[in-house]
Amino acid sequence: MSPSNNRDETQTETIPSPEEMLERLRQINPEDFNIQTIANDLKGNKVWVSILTLPVSTIILAVFTLLGAFLFDRPIISFLITAALLFWAAKVIDSQQKIYTIAARQEVMKRIASIEEGFGLLPHFKPFLPSKYRHLWQSVRRGNYIYIEQYIQAILLLQKKLDPEKFIAIWYLTYPETDPESSEYIEPSEKEHATSTVTPTL
């Protein structure tokens, strides 16, 4: 038996119906992939540090410049020293922000992986995606989920523009064993029975 036949027999047990694929697509909430929101959730109470950084820095710069002017009669030097200190503090805060952003991206990739695990999702909609998404669905099929922004765009495009009837028609042509009107159709109960009676080989 050829390798392709083995692959087909294995997939027969796990191929979902086109309606199941469409439902999985509809259930995806693109907001679950919002990196900024997830980063803020990871920060917890520390999110206020980033929000108040600019106004607090402005106040500190003004106060220390005025103090330098009144106490030492050196407003320019006071301004430069305070600005340098604030610049250093901003760098420290920015590095912390990058840590949260990286962690948020990793969390989003995990969420995409949970959607694409097993039979997968996005690569099966490739006939309905513009050619510019070719690299995306190829990467997703290989288990590479770093193209988060493109993934969100592709999901939104499919949710808004996909013709369900065309998708179902192409699905049945690709997987006739899932088409109830096809001679190759396999009842779900038969698939379950085949799965339960398979004896693992060493």
N, C-alpha and C. Protein backbone atom coordinates (compact mmCIF):
# COMPACT_ATOMS: atom_id res chain seq x y z
N MET A 1 0.85 -1.20 0.00
CA MET A 1 0.00 0.00 0.00
C MET A 1 0.88 1.24 0.00
N SER A 2 0.55 2.22 -0.78
CA SER A 2 1.38 3.42 -0.91
C SER A 2 1.25 4.30 0.31
N PRO A 3 2.26 5.17 0.57
CA PRO A 3 2.19 6.08 1.71
C PRO A 3 0.99 7.00 1.64
N SER A 4 0.62 7.42 0.41
CA SER A 4 -0.52 8.33 0.28
C SER A 4 -1.81 7.67 0.73
N ASN A 5 -1.95 6.34 0.45
CA ASN A 5 -3.13 5.62 0.89
C ASN A 5 -3.18 5.52 2.41
N ASN A 6 -2.02 5.30 3.02
CA ASN A 6 -1.97 5.26 4.47
C ASN A 6 -2.38 6.59 5.06
N ARG A 7 -1.91 7.68 4.43
CA ARG A 7 -2.26 9.01 4.92
C ARG A 7 -3.75 9.24 4.80
N ASP A 8 -4.33 8.83 3.67
CA ASP A 8 -5.75 9.03 3.47
C ASP A 8 -6.58 8.27 4.49
N GLU A 9 -6.16 7.02 4.79
CA GLU A 9 -6.91 6.22 5.75
C GLU A 9 -6.84 6.83 7.14
N THR A 10 -5.66 7.38 7.46
CA THR A 10 -5.50 8.00 8.77
C THR A 10 -6.37 9.25 8.89
N GLN A 11 -6.38 10.08 7.80
CA GLN A 11 -7.13 11.32 7.85
C GLN A 11 -8.64 11.07 7.85
N THR A 12 -9.08 9.94 7.27
CA THR A 12 -10.50 9.67 7.20
C THR A 12 -11.12 9.66 8.59
N GLU A 13 -10.36 9.22 9.58
CA GLU A 13 -10.87 9.13 10.94
C GLU A 13 -10.99 10.48 11.61
N THR A 14 -10.30 11.49 11.11
CA THR A 14 -10.25 12.77 11.79
C THR A 14 -10.78 13.93 10.97
N ILE A 15 -11.17 13.71 9.72
CA ILE A 15 -11.63 14.82 8.88
C ILE A 15 -12.99 15.31 9.36
N PRO A 16 -13.09 16.59 9.72
CA PRO A 16 -14.39 17.13 10.16
C PRO A 16 -15.27 17.45 8.97
N SER A 17 -16.52 17.77 9.24
CA SER A 17 -17.43 18.19 8.19
C SER A 17 -17.14 19.65 7.86
N PRO A 18 -17.56 20.14 6.68
CA PRO A 18 -17.33 21.55 6.35
C PRO A 18 -18.08 22.47 7.30
N GLU A 19 -19.23 22.02 7.80
CA GLU A 19 -19.98 22.85 8.75
C GLU A 19 -19.20 23.02 10.05
N GLU A 20 -18.50 21.97 10.47
CA GLU A 20 -17.69 22.08 11.67
C GLU A 20 -16.54 23.07 11.46
N MET A 21 -15.94 23.04 10.29
CA MET A 21 -14.86 23.97 9.99
C MET A 21 -15.36 25.40 9.97
N LEU A 22 -16.52 25.62 9.38
CA LEU A 22 -17.11 26.97 9.33
C LEU A 22 -17.46 27.46 10.73
N GLU A 23 -17.96 26.56 11.57
CA GLU A 23 -18.30 26.94 12.94
C GLU A 23 -17.05 27.29 13.72
N ARG A 24 -15.99 26.54 13.53
CA ARG A 24 -14.72 26.86 14.19
C ARG A 24 -14.22 28.23 13.77
N LEU A 25 -14.36 28.54 12.49
CA LEU A 25 -13.95 29.85 11.98
C LEU A 25 -14.78 30.96 12.61
N ARG A 26 -16.10 30.76 12.70
CA ARG A 26 -16.99 31.78 13.25
C ARG A 26 -16.73 32.02 14.73
N GLN A 27 -16.30 30.99 15.43
CA GLN A 27 -16.11 31.11 16.88
C GLN A 27 -14.84 31.86 17.27
N ILE A 28 -13.96 32.08 16.32
CA ILE A 28 -12.71 32.79 16.63
C ILE A 28 -13.01 34.26 16.89
N ASN A 29 -12.54 34.76 18.02
CA ASN A 29 -12.67 36.17 18.35
C ASN A 29 -11.30 36.84 18.15
N PRO A 30 -11.15 37.67 17.12
CA PRO A 30 -9.85 38.31 16.86
C PRO A 30 -9.31 39.10 18.04
N GLU A 31 -10.21 39.56 18.94
CA GLU A 31 -9.76 40.31 20.10
C GLU A 31 -8.93 39.44 21.05
N ASP A 32 -9.09 38.13 20.93
CA ASP A 32 -8.28 37.23 21.76
C ASP A 32 -6.81 37.28 21.36
N PHE A 33 -6.51 37.89 20.21
CA PHE A 33 -5.13 37.99 19.73
C PHE A 33 -4.57 39.41 19.88
N ASN A 34 -5.26 40.26 20.64
CA ASN A 34 -4.83 41.64 20.82
C ASN A 34 -3.63 41.68 21.77
N ILE A 35 -2.45 41.91 21.21
CA ILE A 35 -1.21 41.86 21.98
C ILE A 35 -1.19 42.92 23.08
N GLN A 36 -1.65 44.13 22.77
CA GLN A 36 -1.62 45.21 23.75
C GLN A 36 -2.51 44.89 24.95
N THR A 37 -3.70 44.37 24.68
CA THR A 37 -4.62 44.01 25.76
C THR A 37 -4.02 42.93 26.65
N ILE A 38 -3.44 41.91 26.02
CA ILE A 38 -2.84 40.82 26.79
C ILE A 38 -1.65 41.32 27.60
N ALA A 39 -0.85 42.22 27.00
CA ALA A 39 0.30 42.79 27.73
C ALA A 39 -0.17 43.56 28.96
N ASN A 40 -1.26 44.32 28.81
CA ASN A 40 -1.80 45.06 29.95
C ASN A 40 -2.32 44.12 31.02
N ASP A 41 -2.92 43.00 30.59
CA ASP A 41 -3.40 42.01 31.56
C ASP A 41 -2.23 41.39 32.32
N LEU A 42 -1.12 41.19 31.62
CA LEU A 42 0.06 40.63 32.28
C LEU A 42 0.68 41.62 33.27
N LYS A 43 0.56 42.89 32.95
CA LYS A 43 1.11 43.91 33.84
C LYS A 43 0.32 44.01 35.14
N GLY A 44 -1.00 43.79 35.05
CA GLY A 44 -1.84 43.93 36.23
C GLY A 44 -1.88 45.38 36.68
N ASN A 45 -1.60 45.62 37.96
CA ASN A 45 -1.62 46.99 38.50
C ASN A 45 -0.49 47.85 37.96
N LYS A 46 0.54 47.22 37.40
CA LYS A 46 1.68 47.98 36.89
C LYS A 46 1.35 48.76 35.63
N VAL A 47 0.16 48.53 35.05
CA VAL A 47 -0.22 49.23 33.84
C VAL A 47 -0.28 50.73 34.07
N TRP A 48 -0.59 51.14 35.31
CA TRP A 48 -0.67 52.57 35.61
C TRP A 48 0.69 53.25 35.54
N VAL A 49 1.75 52.49 35.71
CA VAL A 49 3.10 53.08 35.60
C VAL A 49 3.32 53.63 34.20
N SER A 50 2.93 52.87 33.18
CA SER A 50 3.11 53.30 31.80
C SER A 50 2.19 54.48 31.47
N ILE A 51 0.96 54.43 31.99
CA ILE A 51 0.00 55.50 31.69
C ILE A 51 0.44 56.83 32.28
N LEU A 52 1.01 56.78 33.48
CA LEU A 52 1.38 58.02 34.18
C LEU A 52 2.81 58.49 33.88
N THR A 53 3.56 57.72 33.11
CA THR A 53 4.97 58.05 32.87
C THR A 53 5.14 59.44 32.27
N LEU A 54 4.41 59.74 31.21
CA LEU A 54 4.58 61.03 30.52
C LEU A 54 4.18 62.22 31.38
N PRO A 55 2.96 62.26 31.96
CA PRO A 55 2.61 63.43 32.78
C PRO A 55 3.49 63.59 34.01
N VAL A 56 3.85 62.48 34.67
CA VAL A 56 4.72 62.58 35.85
C VAL A 56 6.11 63.07 35.45
N SER A 57 6.62 62.59 34.34
CA SER A 57 7.94 63.04 33.87
C SER A 57 7.93 64.53 33.56
N THR A 58 6.86 65.02 32.97
CA THR A 58 6.75 66.45 32.64
C THR A 58 6.75 67.29 33.91
N ILE A 59 6.00 66.83 34.91
CA ILE A 59 5.93 67.56 36.17
C ILE A 59 7.29 67.58 36.86
N ILE A 60 7.94 66.41 36.90
CA ILE A 60 9.27 66.34 37.55
C ILE A 60 10.26 67.24 36.83
N LEU A 61 10.24 67.24 35.51
CA LEU A 61 11.17 68.07 34.75
C LEU A 61 10.95 69.55 35.05
N ALA A 62 9.69 69.96 35.12
CA ALA A 62 9.38 71.37 35.39
C ALA A 62 9.79 71.76 36.82
N VAL A 63 9.47 70.88 37.78
CA VAL A 63 9.77 71.18 39.19
C VAL A 63 11.27 71.30 39.43
N PHE A 64 12.04 70.34 38.95
CA PHE A 64 13.48 70.36 39.19
C PHE A 64 14.16 71.50 38.42
N THR A 65 13.64 71.85 37.27
CA THR A 65 14.20 72.99 36.53
C THR A 65 13.98 74.28 37.31
N LEU A 66 12.77 74.45 37.87
CA LEU A 66 12.47 75.64 38.66
C LEU A 66 13.30 75.68 39.94
N LEU A 67 13.45 74.51 40.60
CA LEU A 67 14.27 74.46 41.82
C LEU A 67 15.72 74.84 41.51
N GLY A 68 16.22 74.34 40.39
CA GLY A 68 17.58 74.68 40.01
C GLY A 68 17.74 76.16 39.73
N ALA A 69 16.68 76.75 39.17
CA ALA A 69 16.74 78.18 38.85
C ALA A 69 16.73 79.03 40.12
N PHE A 70 15.87 78.64 41.11
CA PHE A 70 15.74 79.44 42.32
C PHE A 70 16.88 79.19 43.31
N LEU A 71 17.30 77.94 43.45
CA LEU A 71 18.30 77.60 44.47
C LEU A 71 19.73 77.82 43.99
N PHE A 72 19.99 77.51 42.74
CA PHE A 72 21.38 77.55 42.26
C PHE A 72 21.57 78.53 41.10
N ASP A 73 20.48 79.13 40.69
CA ASP A 73 20.53 80.05 39.57
C ASP A 73 21.14 79.39 38.33
N ARG A 74 20.85 78.10 38.16
CA ARG A 74 21.35 77.32 37.02
C ARG A 74 20.19 76.55 36.36
N PRO A 75 19.25 77.22 35.79
CA PRO A 75 18.07 76.52 35.23
C PRO A 75 18.42 75.58 34.08
N ILE A 76 19.37 75.99 33.24
CA ILE A 76 19.71 75.15 32.08
C ILE A 76 20.37 73.86 32.52
N ILE A 77 21.34 73.98 33.48
CA ILE A 77 22.03 72.79 33.96
C ILE A 77 21.04 71.86 34.68
N SER A 78 20.15 72.44 35.49
CA SER A 78 19.15 71.64 36.19
C SER A 78 18.24 70.92 35.21
N PHE A 79 17.88 71.64 34.14
CA PHE A 79 17.02 71.05 33.12
C PHE A 79 17.72 69.86 32.45
N LEU A 80 18.99 70.03 32.10
CA LEU A 80 19.72 68.98 31.40
C LEU A 80 19.93 67.75 32.29
N ILE A 81 20.27 67.98 33.57
CA ILE A 81 20.50 66.86 34.49
C ILE A 81 19.20 66.09 34.70
N THR A 82 18.11 66.84 34.94
CA THR A 82 16.82 66.19 35.17
C THR A 82 16.37 65.44 33.93
N ALA A 83 16.56 66.03 32.75
CA ALA A 83 16.17 65.38 31.50
C ALA A 83 16.96 64.09 31.29
N ALA A 84 18.25 64.10 31.63
CA ALA A 84 19.08 62.91 31.48
C ALA A 84 18.59 61.79 32.40
N LEU A 85 18.24 62.15 33.64
CA LEU A 85 17.74 61.16 34.60
C LEU A 85 16.40 60.58 34.14
N LEU A 86 15.54 61.45 33.65
CA LEU A 86 14.24 60.99 33.16
C LEU A 86 14.39 60.10 31.92
N PHE A 87 15.36 60.45 31.07
CA PHE A 87 15.62 59.63 29.89
C PHE A 87 16.06 58.23 30.29
N TRP A 88 16.92 58.16 31.31
CA TRP A 88 17.37 56.85 31.80
C TRP A 88 16.20 56.06 32.38
N ALA A 89 15.34 56.73 33.16
CA ALA A 89 14.19 56.06 33.75
C ALA A 89 13.23 55.57 32.66
N ALA A 90 13.07 56.37 31.60
CA ALA A 90 12.18 55.99 30.51
C ALA A 90 12.72 54.75 29.79
N LYS A 91 14.03 54.66 29.66
CA LYS A 91 14.64 53.48 29.04
C LYS A 91 14.36 52.22 29.86
N VAL A 92 14.45 52.36 31.18
CA VAL A 92 14.19 51.22 32.06
C VAL A 92 12.73 50.77 31.91
N ILE A 93 11.81 51.74 31.90
CA ILE A 93 10.38 51.42 31.76
C ILE A 93 10.11 50.80 30.39
N ASP A 94 10.77 51.34 29.36
CA ASP A 94 10.57 50.81 28.00
C ASP A 94 11.05 49.36 27.89
N SER A 95 12.15 49.05 28.56
CA SER A 95 12.65 47.66 28.52
C SER A 95 11.66 46.73 29.20
N GLN A 96 11.03 47.20 30.29
CA GLN A 96 10.01 46.40 30.96
C GLN A 96 8.80 46.20 30.05
N GLN A 97 8.44 47.26 29.32
CA GLN A 97 7.32 47.18 28.39
C GLN A 97 7.59 46.14 27.31
N LYS A 98 8.81 46.09 26.82
CA LYS A 98 9.16 45.12 25.77
C LYS A 98 9.06 43.69 26.30
N ILE A 99 9.41 43.51 27.58
CA ILE A 99 9.31 42.17 28.18
C ILE A 99 7.85 41.71 28.17
N TYR A 100 6.93 42.60 28.56
CA TYR A 100 5.51 42.26 28.58
C TYR A 100 4.98 42.03 27.16
N THR A 101 5.46 42.83 26.22
CA THR A 101 5.01 42.67 24.83
C THR A 101 5.45 41.33 24.26
N ILE A 102 6.70 40.94 24.54
CA ILE A 102 7.20 39.64 24.07
C ILE A 102 6.39 38.50 24.69
N ALA A 103 6.10 38.63 25.99
CA ALA A 103 5.31 37.61 26.67
C ALA A 103 3.90 37.53 26.08
N ALA A 104 3.35 38.70 25.73
CA ALA A 104 2.01 38.73 25.13
C ALA A 104 2.00 38.07 23.76
N ARG A 105 3.03 38.31 22.96
CA ARG A 105 3.14 37.68 21.65
C ARG A 105 3.23 36.16 21.78
N GLN A 106 3.99 35.71 22.75
CA GLN A 106 4.11 34.27 22.98
C GLN A 106 2.77 33.67 23.38
N GLU A 107 2.01 34.41 24.17
CA GLU A 107 0.68 33.93 24.58
C GLU A 107 -0.25 33.84 23.38
N VAL A 108 -0.18 34.84 22.49
CA VAL A 108 -1.02 34.82 21.28
C VAL A 108 -0.64 33.64 20.39
N MET A 109 0.64 33.37 20.26
CA MET A 109 1.07 32.24 19.44
C MET A 109 0.56 30.92 20.01
N LYS A 110 0.50 30.84 21.35
CA LYS A 110 -0.05 29.64 21.98
C LYS A 110 -1.54 29.50 21.65
N ARG A 111 -2.25 30.62 21.63
CA ARG A 111 -3.68 30.59 21.33
C ARG A 111 -3.92 30.18 19.88
N ILE A 112 -3.08 30.68 18.99
CA ILE A 112 -3.20 30.29 17.58
C ILE A 112 -2.88 28.80 17.44
N ALA A 113 -1.86 28.34 18.15
CA ALA A 113 -1.48 26.93 18.08
C ALA A 113 -2.62 26.03 18.55
N SER A 114 -3.36 26.48 19.58
CA SER A 114 -4.47 25.67 20.08
C SER A 114 -5.59 25.58 19.05
N ILE A 115 -5.73 26.61 18.21
CA ILE A 115 -6.74 26.60 17.15
C ILE A 115 -6.29 25.70 16.00
N GLU A 116 -5.00 25.75 15.69
CA GLU A 116 -4.48 25.05 14.52
C GLU A 116 -4.01 23.62 14.81
N GLU A 117 -4.05 23.20 16.06
CA GLU A 117 -3.57 21.86 16.38
C GLU A 117 -4.49 20.81 15.77
N GLY A 118 -3.95 19.62 15.62
CA GLY A 118 -4.74 18.53 15.04
C GLY A 118 -4.92 18.70 13.55
N PHE A 119 -6.16 18.72 13.12
CA PHE A 119 -6.45 18.79 11.69
C PHE A 119 -6.12 20.17 11.10
N GLY A 120 -6.05 21.19 11.95
CA GLY A 120 -5.74 22.53 11.46
C GLY A 120 -7.00 23.29 11.05
N LEU A 121 -6.80 24.57 10.72
CA LEU A 121 -7.94 25.40 10.32
C LEU A 121 -7.59 26.28 9.12
N LEU A 122 -6.77 27.29 9.33
CA LEU A 122 -6.51 28.28 8.29
C LEU A 122 -6.03 27.69 6.96
N PRO A 123 -5.08 26.74 6.96
CA PRO A 123 -4.60 26.21 5.67
C PRO A 123 -5.72 25.60 4.82
N HIS A 124 -6.80 25.15 5.44
CA HIS A 124 -7.89 24.54 4.69
C HIS A 124 -8.77 25.58 3.98
N PHE A 125 -8.53 26.86 4.29
CA PHE A 125 -9.28 27.93 3.65
C PHE A 125 -8.43 28.65 2.60
N LYS A 126 -7.28 28.07 2.25
CA LYS A 126 -6.35 28.74 1.34
C LYS A 126 -6.96 29.11 -0.01
N PRO A 127 -7.93 28.33 -0.58
CA PRO A 127 -8.50 28.74 -1.87
C PRO A 127 -9.25 30.08 -1.81
N PHE A 128 -9.59 30.51 -0.59
CA PHE A 128 -10.38 31.73 -0.43
C PHE A 128 -9.53 32.90 0.09
N LEU A 129 -8.22 32.69 0.17
CA LEU A 129 -7.33 33.74 0.62
C LEU A 129 -6.52 34.30 -0.55
N PRO A 130 -6.30 35.62 -0.59
CA PRO A 130 -5.46 36.20 -1.64
C PRO A 130 -4.06 35.61 -1.62
N SER A 131 -3.37 35.72 -2.74
CA SER A 131 -2.04 35.12 -2.87
C SER A 131 -1.04 35.68 -1.86
N LYS A 132 -1.28 36.91 -1.37
CA LYS A 132 -0.34 37.50 -0.42
C LYS A 132 -0.30 36.75 0.91
N TYR A 133 -1.31 35.91 1.15
CA TYR A 133 -1.34 35.13 2.39
C TYR A 133 -0.74 33.74 2.21
N ARG A 134 -0.15 33.48 1.07
CA ARG A 134 0.39 32.15 0.80
C ARG A 134 1.47 31.78 1.81
N HIS A 135 2.38 32.71 2.08
CA HIS A 135 3.46 32.43 3.03
C HIS A 135 2.88 32.19 4.42
N LEU A 136 1.79 32.88 4.76
CA LEU A 136 1.17 32.73 6.07
C LEU A 136 0.64 31.32 6.26
N TRP A 137 -0.24 30.85 5.34
CA TRP A 137 -0.85 29.54 5.58
C TRP A 137 0.17 28.41 5.45
N GLN A 138 1.22 28.64 4.64
CA GLN A 138 2.28 27.63 4.57
C GLN A 138 3.03 27.55 5.91
N SER A 139 3.27 28.72 6.53
CA SER A 139 3.96 28.75 7.82
C SER A 139 3.10 28.12 8.90
N VAL A 140 1.80 28.45 8.88
CA VAL A 140 0.89 27.88 9.88
C VAL A 140 0.83 26.37 9.75
N ARG A 141 0.80 25.88 8.52
CA ARG A 141 0.75 24.44 8.30
C ARG A 141 1.99 23.75 8.85
N ARG A 142 3.13 24.47 8.88
CA ARG A 142 4.37 23.89 9.41
C ARG A 142 4.50 24.11 10.93
N GLY A 143 3.49 24.73 11.54
CA GLY A 143 3.52 24.96 12.98
C GLY A 143 4.25 26.22 13.38
N ASN A 144 4.40 27.16 12.44
CA ASN A 144 5.06 28.43 12.71
C ASN A 144 3.99 29.51 12.84
N TYR A 145 3.84 30.09 14.03
CA TYR A 145 2.74 31.02 14.29
C TYR A 145 3.21 32.45 14.60
N ILE A 146 4.36 32.83 14.06
CA ILE A 146 4.92 34.14 14.39
C ILE A 146 4.23 35.28 13.64
N TYR A 147 3.51 34.98 12.56
CA TYR A 147 2.89 36.04 11.76
C TYR A 147 1.51 36.36 12.30
N ILE A 148 1.49 36.93 13.49
CA ILE A 148 0.24 37.15 14.21
C ILE A 148 -0.67 38.15 13.50
N GLU A 149 -0.11 39.29 13.10
CA GLU A 149 -0.92 40.33 12.47
C GLU A 149 -1.57 39.82 11.19
N GLN A 150 -0.79 39.09 10.38
CA GLN A 150 -1.33 38.54 9.13
C GLN A 150 -2.40 37.48 9.41
N TYR A 151 -2.20 36.72 10.47
CA TYR A 151 -3.18 35.69 10.84
C TYR A 151 -4.52 36.35 11.20
N ILE A 152 -4.46 37.42 11.98
CA ILE A 152 -5.68 38.14 12.35
C ILE A 152 -6.37 38.68 11.11
N GLN A 153 -5.60 39.29 10.21
CA GLN A 153 -6.17 39.83 8.98
C GLN A 153 -6.85 38.74 8.16
N ALA A 154 -6.20 37.58 8.05
CA ALA A 154 -6.77 36.49 7.26
C ALA A 154 -8.07 35.98 7.88
N ILE A 155 -8.10 35.85 9.20
CA ILE A 155 -9.31 35.38 9.88
C ILE A 155 -10.45 36.37 9.68
N LEU A 156 -10.16 37.66 9.85
CA LEU A 156 -11.19 38.68 9.66
C LEU A 156 -11.72 38.68 8.23
N LEU A 157 -10.82 38.51 7.27
CA LEU A 157 -11.21 38.47 5.86
C LEU A 157 -12.15 37.29 5.60
N LEU A 158 -11.80 36.13 6.12
CA LEU A 158 -12.62 34.94 5.92
C LEU A 158 -13.98 35.08 6.61
N GLN A 159 -13.98 35.64 7.81
CA GLN A 159 -15.24 35.79 8.55
C GLN A 159 -16.19 36.74 7.83
N LYS A 160 -15.65 37.74 7.12
CA LYS A 160 -16.49 38.74 6.47
C LYS A 160 -16.84 38.38 5.03
N LYS A 161 -15.89 37.75 4.32
CA LYS A 161 -16.06 37.60 2.87
C LYS A 161 -16.32 36.17 2.40
N LEU A 162 -16.08 35.18 3.24
CA LEU A 162 -16.18 33.80 2.79
C LEU A 162 -17.61 33.42 2.39
N ASP A 163 -17.73 32.75 1.25
CA ASP A 163 -19.01 32.20 0.80
C ASP A 163 -19.11 30.77 1.32
N PRO A 164 -19.96 30.52 2.32
CA PRO A 164 -20.04 29.17 2.91
C PRO A 164 -20.38 28.09 1.90
N GLU A 165 -21.27 28.39 0.97
CA GLU A 165 -21.68 27.37 0.00
C GLU A 165 -20.52 26.96 -0.90
N LYS A 166 -19.72 27.93 -1.33
CA LYS A 166 -18.55 27.61 -2.15
C LYS A 166 -17.54 26.80 -1.36
N PHE A 167 -17.37 27.18 -0.09
CA PHE A 167 -16.43 26.43 0.75
C PHE A 167 -16.87 24.98 0.89
N ILE A 168 -18.16 24.78 1.16
CA ILE A 168 -18.68 23.42 1.32
C ILE A 168 -18.50 22.61 0.04
N ALA A 169 -18.77 23.26 -1.10
CA ALA A 169 -18.62 22.56 -2.39
C ALA A 169 -17.18 22.12 -2.61
N ILE A 170 -16.22 23.01 -2.35
CA ILE A 170 -14.80 22.67 -2.52
C ILE A 170 -14.38 21.62 -1.50
N TRP A 171 -14.93 21.71 -0.30
CA TRP A 171 -14.59 20.74 0.74
C TRP A 171 -15.00 19.32 0.33
N TYR A 172 -16.20 19.20 -0.23
CA TYR A 172 -16.68 17.88 -0.64
C TYR A 172 -15.89 17.35 -1.84
N LEU A 173 -15.38 18.24 -2.68
CA LEU A 173 -14.53 17.79 -3.78
C LEU A 173 -13.18 17.31 -3.26
N THR A 174 -12.68 17.97 -2.22
CA THR A 174 -11.39 17.61 -1.64
C THR A 174 -11.51 16.37 -0.76
N TYR A 175 -12.59 16.31 0.01
CA TYR A 175 -12.81 15.18 0.92
C TYR A 175 -14.18 14.56 0.65
N PRO A 176 -14.31 13.80 -0.43
CA PRO A 176 -15.62 13.22 -0.78
C PRO A 176 -16.16 12.27 0.28
N GLU A 177 -15.28 11.73 1.10
CA GLU A 177 -15.73 10.82 2.15
C GLU A 177 -16.57 11.51 3.22
N THR A 178 -16.56 12.88 3.22
CA THR A 178 -17.39 13.62 4.17
C THR A 178 -18.70 14.09 3.54
N ASP A 179 -18.89 13.82 2.25
CA ASP A 179 -20.09 14.25 1.53
C ASP A 179 -21.15 13.15 1.61
N PRO A 180 -22.28 13.40 2.28
CA PRO A 180 -23.33 12.38 2.41
C PRO A 180 -23.88 11.90 1.07
N GLU A 181 -23.73 12.72 0.02
CA GLU A 181 -24.26 12.34 -1.29
C GLU A 181 -23.21 11.65 -2.17
N SER A 182 -22.02 11.44 -1.64
CA SER A 182 -20.96 10.80 -2.40
C SER A 182 -20.93 9.31 -2.11
N SER A 183 -20.52 8.54 -3.12
CA SER A 183 -20.40 7.09 -2.94
C SER A 183 -19.24 6.74 -2.00
N GLU A 184 -18.34 7.72 -1.78
CA GLU A 184 -17.20 7.49 -0.89
C GLU A 184 -17.50 7.89 0.55
N TYR A 185 -18.72 8.33 0.79
CA TYR A 185 -19.08 8.84 2.12
C TYR A 185 -18.93 7.76 3.18
N ILE A 186 -18.37 8.15 4.33
CA ILE A 186 -18.19 7.23 5.45
C ILE A 186 -18.98 7.78 6.63
N GLU A 187 -19.90 6.99 7.16
CA GLU A 187 -20.69 7.40 8.30
C GLU A 187 -19.79 7.67 9.51
N PRO A 188 -20.10 8.73 10.29
CA PRO A 188 -19.30 9.00 11.49
C PRO A 188 -19.23 7.81 12.42
N SER A 189 -20.32 7.03 12.53
CA SER A 189 -20.31 5.86 13.40
C SER A 189 -19.30 4.83 12.91
N GLU A 190 -19.17 4.72 11.58
CA GLU A 190 -18.20 3.78 11.03
C GLU A 190 -16.78 4.22 11.33
N LYS A 191 -16.55 5.53 11.29
CA LYS A 191 -15.22 6.05 11.62
C LYS A 191 -14.88 5.73 13.06
N GLU A 192 -15.85 5.97 13.97
CA GLU A 192 -15.60 5.71 15.38
C GLU A 192 -15.33 4.22 15.61
N HIS A 193 -16.08 3.37 14.90
CA HIS A 193 -15.88 1.93 15.06
C HIS A 193 -14.49 1.52 14.57
N ALA A 194 -14.08 2.12 13.44
CA ALA A 194 -12.75 1.81 12.89
C ALA A 194 -11.66 2.25 13.85
N THR A 195 -11.88 3.42 14.48
CA THR A 195 -10.89 3.93 15.41
C THR A 195 -10.77 3.03 16.63
N SER A 196 -11.92 2.56 17.13
CA SER A 196 -11.91 1.75 18.35
C SER A 196 -11.37 0.35 18.14
N THR A 197 -11.41 -0.11 16.88
CA THR A 197 -10.95 -1.48 16.61
C THR A 197 -9.54 -1.55 16.06
N VAL A 198 -8.91 -0.39 15.86
CA VAL A 198 -7.54 -0.39 15.33
C VAL A 198 -6.58 -0.92 16.39
N THR A 199 -5.75 -1.85 16.02
CA THR A 199 -4.74 -2.39 16.93
C THR A 199 -3.41 -1.72 16.65
N PRO A 200 -2.84 -1.02 17.68
CA PRO A 200 -1.57 -0.34 17.43
C PRO A 200 -0.46 -1.32 17.06
N THR A 201 0.36 -0.90 16.11
CA THR A 201 1.48 -1.74 15.68
C THR A 201 2.77 -1.17 16.21
N LEU A 202 3.70 -2.04 16.52
CA LEU A 202 5.00 -1.60 17.04
C LEU A 202 5.96 -1.35 15.91
